[in-house]
């Protein structure tokens, strides 16, 4: 019995940390800024990651594609993030 608990404990600690961290998130959507145009491989990967983030945190995740606007304009959304 002790061996089973020892083997399971490394898996229990990360799960407990994730569930505790999810309680401290704000009650508004999480914005995931993607510095590439919509429809490409980066957009698809961001949507898969965003879906998983939403499942883990219990908060909606909004994907914001900012491709093709030049380097300076993409940073404006990150600088004003709350």
N, C-alpha and C. Protein backbone atom coordinates (compact mmCIF):
# COMPACT_ATOMS: atom_id res chain seq x y z
N UNK A 1 0.83 -1.19 0.00
CA UNK A 1 0.00 0.00 0.00
C UNK A 1 0.87 1.25 0.00
N UNK A 2 1.93 1.26 0.79
CA UNK A 2 2.81 2.41 0.87
C UNK A 2 3.48 2.69 -0.47
N UNK A 3 3.83 1.63 -1.22
CA UNK A 3 4.46 1.80 -2.53
C UNK A 3 3.52 2.47 -3.53
N UNK A 4 2.24 2.14 -3.48
CA UNK A 4 1.27 2.75 -4.38
C UNK A 4 1.15 4.24 -4.10
N UNK A 5 1.14 4.63 -2.86
CA UNK A 5 1.03 6.03 -2.49
C UNK A 5 2.27 6.81 -2.90
N UNK A 6 3.43 6.20 -2.77
CA UNK A 6 4.68 6.84 -3.16
C UNK A 6 4.73 7.06 -4.67
N UNK A 7 4.24 6.11 -5.43
CA UNK A 7 4.24 6.24 -6.88
C UNK A 7 3.21 7.25 -7.36
N UNK A 8 2.12 7.39 -6.67
CA UNK A 8 1.06 8.31 -7.08
C UNK A 8 1.32 9.75 -6.66
N UNK A 9 2.13 9.95 -5.63
CA UNK A 9 2.31 11.31 -5.10
C UNK A 9 2.92 12.30 -6.08
N UNK A 10 3.86 11.92 -6.98
CA UNK A 10 4.34 12.92 -7.94
C UNK A 10 3.24 13.44 -8.86
N UNK A 11 2.23 12.64 -9.11
CA UNK A 11 1.13 13.09 -9.97
C UNK A 11 0.13 13.93 -9.20
N UNK A 12 0.00 13.71 -7.94
CA UNK A 12 -0.98 14.45 -7.15
C UNK A 12 -0.58 15.90 -6.94
N UNK A 13 0.68 16.16 -6.73
CA UNK A 13 1.14 17.53 -6.43
C UNK A 13 0.87 18.49 -7.58
N UNK A 14 1.20 18.19 -8.86
CA UNK A 14 0.88 19.14 -9.93
C UNK A 14 -0.62 19.37 -10.10
N UNK A 15 -1.43 18.33 -9.93
CA UNK A 15 -2.87 18.49 -10.07
C UNK A 15 -3.41 19.40 -8.97
N UNK A 16 -2.93 19.24 -7.76
CA UNK A 16 -3.37 20.10 -6.66
C UNK A 16 -2.93 21.54 -6.89
N UNK A 17 -1.75 21.74 -7.46
CA UNK A 17 -1.27 23.10 -7.73
C UNK A 17 -2.11 23.77 -8.80
N UNK A 18 -2.50 23.03 -9.83
CA UNK A 18 -3.31 23.60 -10.90
C UNK A 18 -4.69 23.95 -10.39
N UNK A 19 -5.30 23.09 -9.60
CA UNK A 19 -6.64 23.38 -9.10
C UNK A 19 -6.62 24.56 -8.14
N UNK A 20 -5.57 24.72 -7.36
CA UNK A 20 -5.47 25.87 -6.46
C UNK A 20 -5.22 27.15 -7.21
N UNK A 21 -4.43 27.10 -8.28
CA UNK A 21 -4.13 28.30 -9.07
C UNK A 21 -5.36 28.76 -9.83
N UNK A 22 -6.22 27.86 -10.23
CA UNK A 22 -7.40 28.23 -11.00
C UNK A 22 -8.36 29.09 -10.18
N UNK A 23 -8.32 29.01 -8.89
CA UNK A 23 -9.23 29.78 -8.07
C UNK A 23 -8.83 31.25 -7.97
N UNK A 24 -7.59 31.59 -8.32
CA UNK A 24 -7.13 32.96 -8.19
C UNK A 24 -7.23 33.76 -9.48
N UNK A 25 -7.80 33.21 -10.53
CA UNK A 25 -7.89 33.92 -11.80
C UNK A 25 -9.01 34.95 -11.75
N UNK A 26 -8.89 36.00 -12.56
CA UNK A 26 -9.96 37.00 -12.61
C UNK A 26 -11.22 36.43 -13.25
N UNK A 27 -12.32 37.05 -13.01
CA UNK A 27 -13.61 36.58 -13.52
C UNK A 27 -13.92 37.19 -14.88
N UNK A 28 -12.91 37.32 -15.73
CA UNK A 28 -13.13 37.82 -17.09
C UNK A 28 -12.35 36.93 -18.05
N UNK A 29 -12.66 37.01 -19.35
CA UNK A 29 -11.98 36.14 -20.31
C UNK A 29 -10.47 36.39 -20.35
N UNK A 30 -9.71 35.34 -20.64
CA UNK A 30 -8.27 35.43 -20.81
C UNK A 30 -8.01 35.69 -22.29
N UNK A 31 -7.21 36.70 -22.61
CA UNK A 31 -6.90 37.02 -24.00
C UNK A 31 -5.54 36.44 -24.35
N UNK A 32 -5.52 35.56 -25.35
CA UNK A 32 -4.29 34.95 -25.84
C UNK A 32 -3.94 35.64 -27.15
N UNK A 33 -2.90 36.47 -27.14
CA UNK A 33 -2.51 37.24 -28.32
C UNK A 33 -1.55 36.41 -29.16
N UNK A 34 -1.91 36.23 -30.44
CA UNK A 34 -1.10 35.47 -31.39
C UNK A 34 -0.57 36.47 -32.43
N UNK A 35 0.74 36.64 -32.54
CA UNK A 35 1.29 37.65 -33.45
C UNK A 35 1.37 37.18 -34.91
N UNK A 36 0.42 36.39 -35.35
CA UNK A 36 0.38 35.88 -36.71
C UNK A 36 -1.05 35.94 -37.22
N UNK A 37 -1.26 35.95 -38.55
CA UNK A 37 -2.61 36.02 -39.10
C UNK A 37 -3.45 34.78 -38.76
N UNK A 38 -4.75 34.96 -38.77
CA UNK A 38 -5.67 33.85 -38.50
C UNK A 38 -5.64 32.84 -39.63
N UNK A 39 -5.89 31.59 -39.30
CA UNK A 39 -5.99 30.52 -40.29
C UNK A 39 -4.71 29.74 -40.53
N UNK A 40 -3.59 30.22 -40.02
CA UNK A 40 -2.33 29.51 -40.22
C UNK A 40 -2.09 28.49 -39.13
N UNK A 41 -0.94 27.82 -39.20
CA UNK A 41 -0.64 26.80 -38.19
C UNK A 41 -0.50 27.37 -36.78
N UNK A 42 0.00 28.60 -36.67
CA UNK A 42 0.12 29.21 -35.34
C UNK A 42 -1.24 29.47 -34.72
N UNK A 43 -2.21 29.85 -35.55
CA UNK A 43 -3.57 30.08 -35.08
C UNK A 43 -4.19 28.78 -34.59
N UNK A 44 -3.98 27.71 -35.32
CA UNK A 44 -4.54 26.40 -34.94
C UNK A 44 -3.95 25.94 -33.62
N UNK A 45 -2.64 26.07 -33.47
CA UNK A 45 -1.98 25.68 -32.23
C UNK A 45 -2.49 26.53 -31.07
N UNK A 46 -2.64 27.84 -31.29
CA UNK A 46 -3.13 28.73 -30.24
C UNK A 46 -4.55 28.36 -29.81
N UNK A 47 -5.37 27.95 -30.75
CA UNK A 47 -6.75 27.57 -30.41
C UNK A 47 -6.79 26.28 -29.60
N UNK A 48 -5.91 25.34 -29.92
CA UNK A 48 -5.84 24.10 -29.14
C UNK A 48 -5.36 24.41 -27.72
N UNK A 49 -4.33 25.23 -27.61
CA UNK A 49 -3.81 25.63 -26.29
C UNK A 49 -4.87 26.41 -25.53
N UNK A 50 -5.56 27.33 -26.21
CA UNK A 50 -6.60 28.13 -25.56
C UNK A 50 -7.74 27.28 -25.04
N UNK A 51 -8.12 26.26 -25.81
CA UNK A 51 -9.19 25.37 -25.35
C UNK A 51 -8.77 24.64 -24.07
N UNK A 52 -7.54 24.16 -24.04
CA UNK A 52 -7.05 23.44 -22.85
C UNK A 52 -6.93 24.39 -21.66
N UNK A 53 -6.46 25.62 -21.92
CA UNK A 53 -6.38 26.61 -20.84
C UNK A 53 -7.76 26.88 -20.25
N UNK A 54 -8.76 26.96 -21.12
CA UNK A 54 -10.13 27.20 -20.67
C UNK A 54 -10.64 26.04 -19.82
N UNK A 55 -10.33 24.82 -20.23
CA UNK A 55 -10.76 23.65 -19.46
C UNK A 55 -10.11 23.63 -18.08
N UNK A 56 -8.82 23.97 -18.02
CA UNK A 56 -8.10 23.92 -16.74
C UNK A 56 -8.48 25.07 -15.81
N UNK A 57 -8.68 26.24 -16.37
CA UNK A 57 -8.92 27.42 -15.54
C UNK A 57 -10.39 27.69 -15.28
N UNK A 58 -11.27 27.18 -16.14
CA UNK A 58 -12.69 27.47 -15.98
C UNK A 58 -13.06 28.85 -16.50
N UNK A 59 -12.15 29.53 -17.16
CA UNK A 59 -12.38 30.86 -17.73
C UNK A 59 -12.38 30.76 -19.25
N UNK A 60 -13.20 31.56 -19.93
CA UNK A 60 -13.14 31.55 -21.39
C UNK A 60 -11.82 32.15 -21.88
N UNK A 61 -11.30 31.62 -22.98
CA UNK A 61 -10.06 32.12 -23.57
C UNK A 61 -10.39 32.65 -24.95
N UNK A 62 -10.02 33.92 -25.20
CA UNK A 62 -10.26 34.58 -26.47
C UNK A 62 -8.94 34.63 -27.23
N UNK A 63 -8.93 34.14 -28.48
CA UNK A 63 -7.74 34.17 -29.32
C UNK A 63 -7.78 35.48 -30.10
N UNK A 64 -6.71 36.27 -29.99
CA UNK A 64 -6.62 37.57 -30.66
C UNK A 64 -5.43 37.52 -31.62
N UNK A 65 -5.73 37.32 -32.93
CA UNK A 65 -4.68 37.26 -33.95
C UNK A 65 -4.30 38.69 -34.36
N UNK A 66 -3.01 38.99 -34.33
CA UNK A 66 -2.52 40.33 -34.66
C UNK A 66 -1.47 40.28 -35.76
N UNK A 67 -1.66 39.47 -36.74
CA UNK A 67 -0.67 39.32 -37.80
C UNK A 67 -0.77 40.41 -38.85
N UNK A 68 0.37 40.73 -39.47
CA UNK A 68 0.41 41.67 -40.57
C UNK A 68 0.26 43.12 -40.19
N UNK A 69 0.41 43.49 -38.95
CA UNK A 69 0.23 44.87 -38.52
C UNK A 69 1.54 45.57 -38.25
N UNK A 70 2.61 44.92 -38.44
CA UNK A 70 3.90 45.54 -38.10
C UNK A 70 4.26 45.24 -36.67
N UNK A 71 5.53 45.29 -36.38
CA UNK A 71 6.03 44.87 -35.07
C UNK A 71 5.56 45.77 -33.93
N UNK A 72 5.51 47.06 -34.13
CA UNK A 72 5.15 47.98 -33.05
C UNK A 72 3.69 47.88 -32.63
N UNK A 73 2.79 47.67 -33.59
CA UNK A 73 1.36 47.62 -33.27
C UNK A 73 0.97 46.37 -32.50
N UNK A 74 1.69 45.28 -32.70
CA UNK A 74 1.36 44.04 -31.99
C UNK A 74 1.63 44.16 -30.51
N UNK A 75 2.63 44.94 -30.14
CA UNK A 75 2.98 45.09 -28.73
C UNK A 75 1.98 45.95 -27.96
N UNK A 76 1.19 46.75 -28.65
CA UNK A 76 0.27 47.66 -27.97
C UNK A 76 -0.75 46.90 -27.14
N UNK A 77 -1.26 45.77 -27.62
CA UNK A 77 -2.22 44.99 -26.86
C UNK A 77 -1.63 44.37 -25.63
N UNK A 78 -0.36 43.99 -25.69
CA UNK A 78 0.30 43.38 -24.55
C UNK A 78 0.59 44.44 -23.48
N UNK A 79 0.98 45.62 -23.91
CA UNK A 79 1.31 46.68 -22.97
C UNK A 79 0.11 47.15 -22.17
N UNK A 80 -1.08 47.11 -22.77
CA UNK A 80 -2.28 47.58 -22.08
C UNK A 80 -3.07 46.45 -21.43
N UNK A 81 -2.54 45.24 -21.43
CA UNK A 81 -3.26 44.10 -20.86
C UNK A 81 -3.43 44.27 -19.36
N UNK A 82 -4.57 43.77 -18.86
CA UNK A 82 -4.87 43.86 -17.44
C UNK A 82 -4.77 42.52 -16.79
